[in-house]
Amino acid sequence: MTEVRDAATIIVLRDDAVLMGQRGSTAAFMPNKFVFPGGAVDPVDADVPTTPLDEAVAEQLAQASQRPAHALATAAIRELWEETGQCLGHPAPWPNAPQGWRGFAASGHIPHAARLQFFFRAVTPQGRPRRFDARFFLANSHDLTTDADDFSNAEDELRHLQWVPLKDARNFDLPFITQVVLAELASHLADPRPLTDIPFFQNDDEAHLVSRLNGKALL
């Protein structure tokens, strides 16, 4: 049975657009698909300094994982940095940063998690070569410390990095779960509300049930 790894994904909003990129054709997971930045949680993510999560967000994440909420949030910020070169940071010295975080620390920042929102949770379907239990976070481009149009510091995991207008996103080659998340995001933006009830795409049975963290079914 394929191990299900904890993962974090970040949706950065810029007015009516979201930051996305295309995975390579040889990628083992979702080749050629346009996705949000994200990836597996690394062990060191639990130990890095950061601004604290909102208390309500931390409580929501605690319902969704045995892994510390701090680790999930910082993993999302690290993946954003690695895959896009964009920094969601707070100015502070960070000597002796661990491997995987040294470039971020060299920018003069620690991760800034205070305004992240927990938005969605999804588990990769069974039968895939890699499976992830991903928590999706919402962030705003206004909180980036980098030029939102400069992707020159990105690693090569994602190509064609761009701000995709929500109205055009479905024209891209998207994973099914990304389509579900975008639909939920469009609904949220059309009728903004406190994010107190997080959708959970379980993928643990034939029905692929989407539920809320409180157990109320959506689909």
C-alpha atoms as a PDB file:
ATOM      1  CA  MET A   1       0.000   0.000   0.000  1.00  0.00           C
ATOM      2  CA  THR A   2       1.329   3.447  -0.967  1.00  0.00           C
ATOM      3  CA  GLU A   3       2.214   5.634   1.995  1.00  0.00           C
ATOM      4  CA  VAL A   4       0.120   8.795   2.336  1.00  0.00           C
ATOM      5  CA  ARG A   5       2.462  11.713   3.023  1.00  0.00           C
ATOM      6  CA  ASP A   6       1.484  15.005   4.617  1.00  0.00           C
ATOM      7  CA  ALA A   7       1.670  17.872   2.136  1.00  0.00           C
ATOM      8  CA  ALA A   8       0.881  21.566   1.894  1.00  0.00           C
ATOM      9  CA  THR A   9      -0.305  23.652  -1.045  1.00  0.00           C
ATOM     10  CA  ILE A  10      -0.609  27.428  -1.257  1.00  0.00           C
ATOM     11  CA  ILE A  11      -3.113  29.439  -3.292  1.00  0.00           C
ATOM     12  CA  VAL A  12      -1.863  33.000  -3.682  1.00  0.00           C
ATOM     13  CA  LEU A  13      -4.578  35.446  -4.749  1.00  0.00           C
ATOM     14  CA  ARG A  14      -3.840  38.576  -6.754  1.00  0.00           C
ATOM     15  CA  ASP A  15      -7.110  40.397  -7.328  1.00  0.00           C
ATOM     16  CA  ASP A  16      -9.040  37.914  -9.510  1.00  0.00           C
ATOM     17  CA  ALA A  17      -6.074  35.685 -10.382  1.00  0.00           C
ATOM     18  CA  VAL A  18      -4.125  32.842  -8.758  1.00  0.00           C
ATOM     19  CA  LEU A  19      -0.469  31.855  -9.053  1.00  0.00           C
ATOM     20  CA  MET A  20       0.035  28.590 -10.956  1.00  0.00           C
ATOM     21  CA  GLY A  21       2.694  26.730 -12.892  1.00  0.00           C
ATOM     22  CA  GLN A  22       3.015  23.618 -15.052  1.00  0.00           C
ATOM     23  CA  ARG A  23       4.671  20.438 -13.814  1.00  0.00           C
ATOM     24  CA  GLY A  24       7.240  18.827 -16.111  1.00  0.00           C
ATOM     25  CA  SER A  25       6.386  16.061 -18.552  1.00  0.00           C
ATOM     26  CA  THR A  26       8.638  13.610 -16.693  1.00  0.00           C
ATOM     27  CA  ALA A  27       7.276  14.365 -13.219  1.00  0.00           C
ATOM     28  CA  ALA A  28       6.178  11.246 -11.337  1.00  0.00           C
ATOM     29  CA  PHE A  29       3.178  13.070  -9.885  1.00  0.00           C
ATOM     30  CA  MET A  30       0.712  14.914 -12.129  1.00  0.00           C
ATOM     31  CA  PRO A  31       2.985  15.397 -15.190  1.00  0.00           C
ATOM     32  CA  ASN A  32       2.150  18.357 -17.456  1.00  0.00           C
ATOM     33  CA  LYS A  33      -0.625  19.561 -15.158  1.00  0.00           C
ATOM     34  CA  PHE A  34      -1.029  23.174 -14.087  1.00  0.00           C
ATOM     35  CA  VAL A  35      -1.037  23.329 -10.295  1.00  0.00           C
ATOM     36  CA  PHE A  36      -0.640  25.611  -7.316  1.00  0.00           C
ATOM     37  CA  PRO A  37       2.770  25.572  -5.592  1.00  0.00           C
ATOM     38  CA  GLY A  38       2.992  22.778  -3.047  1.00  0.00           C
ATOM     39  CA  GLY A  39       4.646  19.570  -1.936  1.00  0.00           C
ATOM     40  CA  ALA A  40       5.434  17.206   0.897  1.00  0.00           C
ATOM     41  CA  VAL A  41       6.147  18.416   4.420  1.00  0.00           C
ATOM     42  CA  ASP A  42       9.820  18.066   5.353  1.00  0.00           C
ATOM     43  CA  PRO A  43      10.892  17.075   8.888  1.00  0.00           C
ATOM     44  CA  VAL A  44      12.712  20.405   9.374  1.00  0.00           C
ATOM     45  CA  ASP A  45       9.538  22.405   8.655  1.00  0.00           C
ATOM     46  CA  ALA A  46       8.359  21.837  12.221  1.00  0.00           C
ATOM     47  CA  ASP A  47      11.418  23.537  13.690  1.00  0.00           C
ATOM     48  CA  VAL A  48      11.783  26.746  11.688  1.00  0.00           C
ATOM     49  CA  PRO A  49      10.933  30.139  13.246  1.00  0.00           C
ATOM     50  CA  THR A  50       7.797  31.845  11.954  1.00  0.00           C
ATOM     51  CA  THR A  51       5.188  34.399  12.846  1.00  0.00           C
ATOM     52  CA  PRO A  52       2.361  32.534  14.624  1.00  0.00           C
ATOM     53  CA  LEU A  53      -0.649  31.235  12.781  1.00  0.00           C
ATOM     54  CA  ASP A  54      -4.010  32.765  13.584  1.00  0.00           C
ATOM     55  CA  GLU A  55      -5.358  30.849  16.580  1.00  0.00           C
ATOM     56  CA  ALA A  56      -8.523  29.760  14.769  1.00  0.00           C
ATOM     57  CA  VAL A  57      -6.501  28.503  11.787  1.00  0.00           C
ATOM     58  CA  ALA A  58      -4.211  26.549  14.085  1.00  0.00           C
ATOM     59  CA  GLU A  59      -7.241  24.929  15.718  1.00  0.00           C
ATOM     60  CA  GLN A  60      -8.689  23.989  12.321  1.00  0.00           C
ATOM     61  CA  LEU A  61      -5.424  22.387  11.267  1.00  0.00           C
ATOM     62  CA  ALA A  62      -5.252  20.471  14.530  1.00  0.00           C
ATOM     63  CA  GLN A  63      -8.568  18.835  13.584  1.00  0.00           C
ATOM     64  CA  ALA A  64      -7.112  17.808  10.234  1.00  0.00           C
ATOM     65  CA  SER A  65      -3.725  16.394  11.185  1.00  0.00           C
ATOM     66  CA  GLN A  66      -1.589  14.946  13.926  1.00  0.00           C
ATOM     67  CA  ARG A  67       1.319  16.912  12.473  1.00  0.00           C
ATOM     68  CA  PRO A  68       1.896  20.328  14.094  1.00  0.00           C
ATOM     69  CA  ALA A  69      -0.032  23.109  12.391  1.00  0.00           C
ATOM     70  CA  HIS A  70       3.180  25.128  12.294  1.00  0.00           C
ATOM     71  CA  ALA A  71       4.855  22.496  10.106  1.00  0.00           C
ATOM     72  CA  LEU A  72       2.042  22.455   7.547  1.00  0.00           C
ATOM     73  CA  ALA A  73       2.042  26.236   7.211  1.00  0.00           C
ATOM     74  CA  THR A  74       5.801  26.579   6.906  1.00  0.00           C
ATOM     75  CA  ALA A  75       5.890  23.757   4.329  1.00  0.00           C
ATOM     76  CA  ALA A  76       3.457  25.753   2.175  1.00  0.00           C
ATOM     77  CA  ILE A  77       5.652  28.849   2.464  1.00  0.00           C
ATOM     78  CA  ARG A  78       8.805  26.850   1.644  1.00  0.00           C
ATOM     79  CA  GLU A  79       7.207  25.295  -1.427  1.00  0.00           C
ATOM     80  CA  LEU A  80       6.090  28.733  -2.611  1.00  0.00           C
ATOM     81  CA  TRP A  81       9.673  29.962  -2.289  1.00  0.00           C
ATOM     82  CA  GLU A  82      11.234  26.949  -3.981  1.00  0.00           C
ATOM     83  CA  GLU A  83       8.796  26.641  -6.870  1.00  0.00           C
ATOM     84  CA  THR A  84       8.115  30.306  -7.654  1.00  0.00           C
ATOM     85  CA  GLY A  85      10.841  32.381  -5.967  1.00  0.00           C
ATOM     86  CA  GLN A  86       8.129  34.313  -4.132  1.00  0.00           C
ATOM     87  CA  CYS A  87       8.717  35.094  -0.460  1.00  0.00           C
ATOM     88  CA  LEU A  88       5.957  35.153   2.121  1.00  0.00           C
ATOM     89  CA  GLY A  89       8.220  36.404   4.874  1.00  0.00           C
ATOM     90  CA  HIS A  90       8.663  38.642   7.893  1.00  0.00           C
ATOM     91  CA  PRO A  91      11.935  40.613   8.175  1.00  0.00           C
ATOM     92  CA  ALA A  92      14.095  38.987  10.850  1.00  0.00           C
ATOM     93  CA  PRO A  93      17.606  37.550  11.178  1.00  0.00           C
ATOM     94  CA  TRP A  94      17.765  33.779  10.863  1.00  0.00           C
ATOM     95  CA  PRO A  95      21.230  32.390  11.511  1.00  0.00           C
ATOM     96  CA  ASN A  96      21.920  28.698  11.037  1.00  0.00           C
ATOM     97  CA  ALA A  97      18.850  27.970   8.933  1.00  0.00           C
ATOM     98  CA  PRO A  98      18.519  24.263   8.073  1.00  0.00           C
ATOM     99  CA  GLN A  99      19.109  22.871   4.611  1.00  0.00           C
ATOM    100  CA  GLY A 100      16.127  23.608   2.429  1.00  0.00           C
ATOM    101  CA  TRP A 101      15.598  26.974   4.084  1.00  0.00           C
ATOM    102  CA  ARG A 102      18.973  28.659   3.611  1.00  0.00           C
ATOM    103  CA  GLY A 103      18.027  30.611   0.510  1.00  0.00           C
ATOM    104  CA  PHE A 104      14.895  31.890   2.227  1.00  0.00           C
ATOM    105  CA  ALA A 105      16.894  32.885   5.317  1.00  0.00           C
ATOM    106  CA  ALA A 106      19.471  34.654   3.145  1.00  0.00           C
ATOM    107  CA  SER A 107      16.695  36.958   1.935  1.00  0.00           C
ATOM    108  CA  GLY A 108      16.546  38.344   5.477  1.00  0.00           C
ATOM    109  CA  HIS A 109      13.199  36.841   6.406  1.00  0.00           C
ATOM    110  CA  ILE A 110      11.528  34.166   8.466  1.00  0.00           C
ATOM    111  CA  PRO A 111       8.262  32.583   7.257  1.00  0.00           C
ATOM    112  CA  HIS A 112       5.194  34.781   7.750  1.00  0.00           C
ATOM    113  CA  ALA A 113       2.234  32.536   8.574  1.00  0.00           C
ATOM    114  CA  ALA A 114       0.073  35.010  10.488  1.00  0.00           C
ATOM    115  CA  ARG A 115      -2.322  35.783   7.628  1.00  0.00           C
ATOM    116  CA  LEU A 116      -2.538  32.337   6.059  1.00  0.00           C
ATOM    117  CA  GLN A 117      -6.018  30.827   5.923  1.00  0.00           C
ATOM    118  CA  PHE A 118      -6.761  27.101   5.878  1.00  0.00           C
ATOM    119  CA  PHE A 119      -9.019  26.587   2.868  1.00  0.00           C
ATOM    120  CA  PHE A 120      -9.221  22.953   1.703  1.00  0.00           C
ATOM    121  CA  ARG A 121      -7.990  19.443   2.440  1.00  0.00           C
ATOM    122  CA  ALA A 122      -7.643  16.618  -0.098  1.00  0.00           C
ATOM    123  CA  VAL A 123      -6.216  13.090  -0.140  1.00  0.00           C
ATOM    124  CA  THR A 124      -4.747  11.704  -3.359  1.00  0.00           C
ATOM    125  CA  PRO A 125      -6.825   8.795  -4.753  1.00  0.00           C
ATOM    126  CA  GLN A 126      -5.775   5.221  -4.134  1.00  0.00           C
ATOM    127  CA  GLY A 127      -3.787   3.520  -6.868  1.00  0.00           C
ATOM    128  CA  ARG A 128      -1.506   6.478  -7.558  1.00  0.00           C
ATOM    129  CA  PRO A 129       2.301   6.005  -7.395  1.00  0.00           C
ATOM    130  CA  ARG A 130       2.413   8.783  -4.792  1.00  0.00           C
ATOM    131  CA  ARG A 131      -0.277   9.750  -2.319  1.00  0.00           C
ATOM    132  CA  PHE A 132      -0.565  12.948  -0.329  1.00  0.00           C
ATOM    133  CA  ASP A 133      -2.821  14.322   2.370  1.00  0.00           C
ATOM    134  CA  ALA A 134      -2.660  17.964   1.309  1.00  0.00           C
ATOM    135  CA  ARG A 135      -3.821  21.043   3.197  1.00  0.00           C
ATOM    136  CA  PHE A 136      -4.496  24.035   0.967  1.00  0.00           C
ATOM    137  CA  PHE A 137      -3.760  27.511   2.307  1.00  0.00           C
ATOM    138  CA  LEU A 138      -4.960  30.876   1.032  1.00  0.00           C
ATOM    139  CA  ALA A 139      -2.579  33.848   0.911  1.00  0.00           C
ATOM    140  CA  ASN A 140      -2.690  37.288  -0.645  1.00  0.00           C
ATOM    141  CA  SER A 141      -0.103  38.701  -3.034  1.00  0.00           C
ATOM    142  CA  HIS A 142      -0.037  41.904  -0.950  1.00  0.00           C
ATOM    143  CA  ASP A 143       1.790  39.920   1.744  1.00  0.00           C
ATOM    144  CA  LEU A 144       4.627  38.883  -0.577  1.00  0.00           C
ATOM    145  CA  THR A 145       7.932  40.627   0.061  1.00  0.00           C
ATOM    146  CA  THR A 146       9.075  39.941  -3.512  1.00  0.00           C
ATOM    147  CA  ASP A 147       8.031  41.358  -6.880  1.00  0.00           C
ATOM    148  CA  ALA A 148       4.952  39.309  -7.749  1.00  0.00           C
ATOM    149  CA  ASP A 149       5.968  39.236 -11.430  1.00  0.00           C
ATOM    150  CA  ASP A 150       9.567  38.125 -10.869  1.00  0.00           C
ATOM    151  CA  PHE A 151      10.045  34.349 -10.974  1.00  0.00           C
ATOM    152  CA  SER A 152      13.783  34.441 -11.643  1.00  0.00           C
ATOM    153  CA  ASN A 153      14.627  32.782  -8.322  1.00  0.00           C
ATOM    154  CA  ALA A 154      12.304  29.829  -8.881  1.00  0.00           C
ATOM    155  CA  GLU A 155      13.663  26.307  -9.075  1.00  0.00           C
ATOM    156  CA  ASP A 156      12.810  24.288 -12.175  1.00  0.00           C
ATOM    157  CA  GLU A 157      10.004  22.114 -10.793  1.00  0.00           C
ATOM    158  CA  LEU A 158       7.273  24.335 -12.284  1.00  0.00           C
ATOM    159  CA  ARG A 159       7.348  25.904 -15.734  1.00  0.00           C
ATOM    160  CA  HIS A 160       5.235  28.680 -17.242  1.00  0.00           C
ATOM    161  CA  LEU A 161       4.693  30.370 -13.878  1.00  0.00           C
ATOM    162  CA  GLN A 162       1.937  32.937 -14.203  1.00  0.00           C
ATOM    163  CA  TRP A 163      -1.001  34.661 -12.606  1.00  0.00           C
ATOM    164  CA  VAL A 164      -4.033  32.877 -14.034  1.00  0.00           C
ATOM    165  CA  PRO A 165      -7.346  34.781 -14.021  1.00  0.00           C
ATOM    166  CA  LEU A 166      -9.958  32.647 -12.308  1.00  0.00           C
ATOM    167  CA  LYS A 167     -12.268  33.049 -15.298  1.00  0.00           C
ATOM    168  CA  ASP A 168      -9.624  31.443 -17.536  1.00  0.00           C
ATOM    169  CA  ALA A 169      -8.282  28.740 -15.221  1.00  0.00           C
ATOM    170  CA  ARG A 170     -10.495  25.957 -16.543  1.00  0.00           C
ATOM    171  CA  ASN A 171      -8.930  26.382 -19.989  1.00  0.00           C
ATOM    172  CA  PHE A 172      -5.674  24.953 -18.580  1.00  0.00           C
ATOM    173  CA  ASP A 173      -4.794  21.264 -18.161  1.00  0.00           C
ATOM    174  CA  LEU A 174      -5.742  20.905 -14.494  1.00  0.00           C
ATOM    175  CA  PRO A 175      -5.878  17.949 -12.112  1.00  0.00           C
ATOM    176  CA  PHE A 176      -9.438  17.143 -11.095  1.00  0.00           C
ATOM    177  CA  ILE A 177      -8.826  18.186  -7.493  1.00  0.00           C
ATOM    178  CA  THR A 178      -7.536  21.579  -8.659  1.00  0.00           C
ATOM    179  CA  GLN A 179     -10.799  22.060 -10.547  1.00  0.00           C
ATOM    180  CA  VAL A 180     -12.713  21.270  -7.349  1.00  0.00           C
ATOM    181  CA  VAL A 181     -10.617  23.728  -5.323  1.00  0.00           C
ATOM    182  CA  LEU A 182     -11.028  26.470  -7.938  1.00  0.00           C
ATOM    183  CA  ALA A 183     -14.795  26.007  -7.917  1.00  0.00           C
ATOM    184  CA  GLU A 184     -14.804  26.289  -4.127  1.00  0.00           C
ATOM    185  CA  LEU A 185     -12.597  29.374  -4.347  1.00  0.00           C
ATOM    186  CA  ALA A 186     -14.876  31.059  -6.891  1.00  0.00           C
ATOM    187  CA  SER A 187     -17.841  30.369  -4.627  1.00  0.00           C
ATOM    188  CA  HIS A 188     -16.000  31.795  -1.638  1.00  0.00           C
ATOM    189  CA  LEU A 189     -14.962  34.966  -3.470  1.00  0.00           C
ATOM    190  CA  ALA A 190     -18.496  35.502  -4.767  1.00  0.00           C
ATOM    191  CA  ASP A 191     -19.850  35.234  -1.228  1.00  0.00           C
ATOM    192  CA  PRO A 192     -17.008  35.927   1.231  1.00  0.00           C
ATOM    193  CA  ARG A 193     -17.485  34.265   4.580  1.00  0.00           C
ATOM    194  CA  PRO A 194     -15.369  33.257   7.536  1.00  0.00           C
ATOM    195  CA  LEU A 195     -13.551  30.025   6.739  1.00  0.00           C
ATOM    196  CA  THR A 196     -14.944  28.045   9.640  1.00  0.00           C
ATOM    197  CA  ASP A 197     -15.988  24.922   7.737  1.00  0.00           C
ATOM    198  CA  ILE A 198     -13.209  23.423   5.609  1.00  0.00           C
ATOM    199  CA  PRO A 199     -14.009  21.142   2.622  1.00  0.00           C
ATOM    200  CA  PHE A 200     -12.353  17.722   2.808  1.00  0.00           C
ATOM    201  CA  PHE A 201     -12.009  15.648  -0.384  1.00  0.00           C
ATOM    202  CA  GLN A 202     -11.389  12.239   1.163  1.00  0.00           C
ATOM    203  CA  ASN A 203     -10.823   9.923  -1.830  1.00  0.00           C
ATOM    204  CA  ASP A 204     -11.020   6.932   0.501  1.00  0.00           C
ATOM    205  CA  ASP A 205     -13.981   5.229  -1.117  1.00  0.00           C
ATOM    206  CA  GLU A 206     -15.680   4.834  -4.475  1.00  0.00           C
ATOM    207  CA  ALA A 207     -17.870   7.881  -3.832  1.00  0.00           C
ATOM    208  CA  HIS A 208     -14.865  10.216  -3.429  1.00  0.00           C
ATOM    209  CA  LEU A 209     -16.890  12.025  -0.794  1.00  0.00           C
ATOM    210  CA  VAL A 210     -16.403  15.728  -0.259  1.00  0.00           C
ATOM    211  CA  SER A 211     -17.323  16.671   3.272  1.00  0.00           C
ATOM    212  CA  ARG A 212     -16.765  19.440   5.754  1.00  0.00           C
ATOM    213  CA  LEU A 213     -14.484  18.984   8.723  1.00  0.00           C
ATOM    214  CA  ASN A 214     -17.597  18.900  10.884  1.00  0.00           C
ATOM    215  CA  GLY A 215     -18.848  15.917   8.865  1.00  0.00           C
ATOM    216  CA  LYS A 216     -21.536  17.642   6.778  1.00  0.00           C
ATOM    217  CA  ALA A 217     -21.504  16.230   3.238  1.00  0.00           C
ATOM    218  CA  LEU A 218     -21.121  18.529   0.241  1.00  0.00           C
ATOM    219  CA  LEU A 219     -21.270  16.048  -2.636  1.00  0.00           C
END
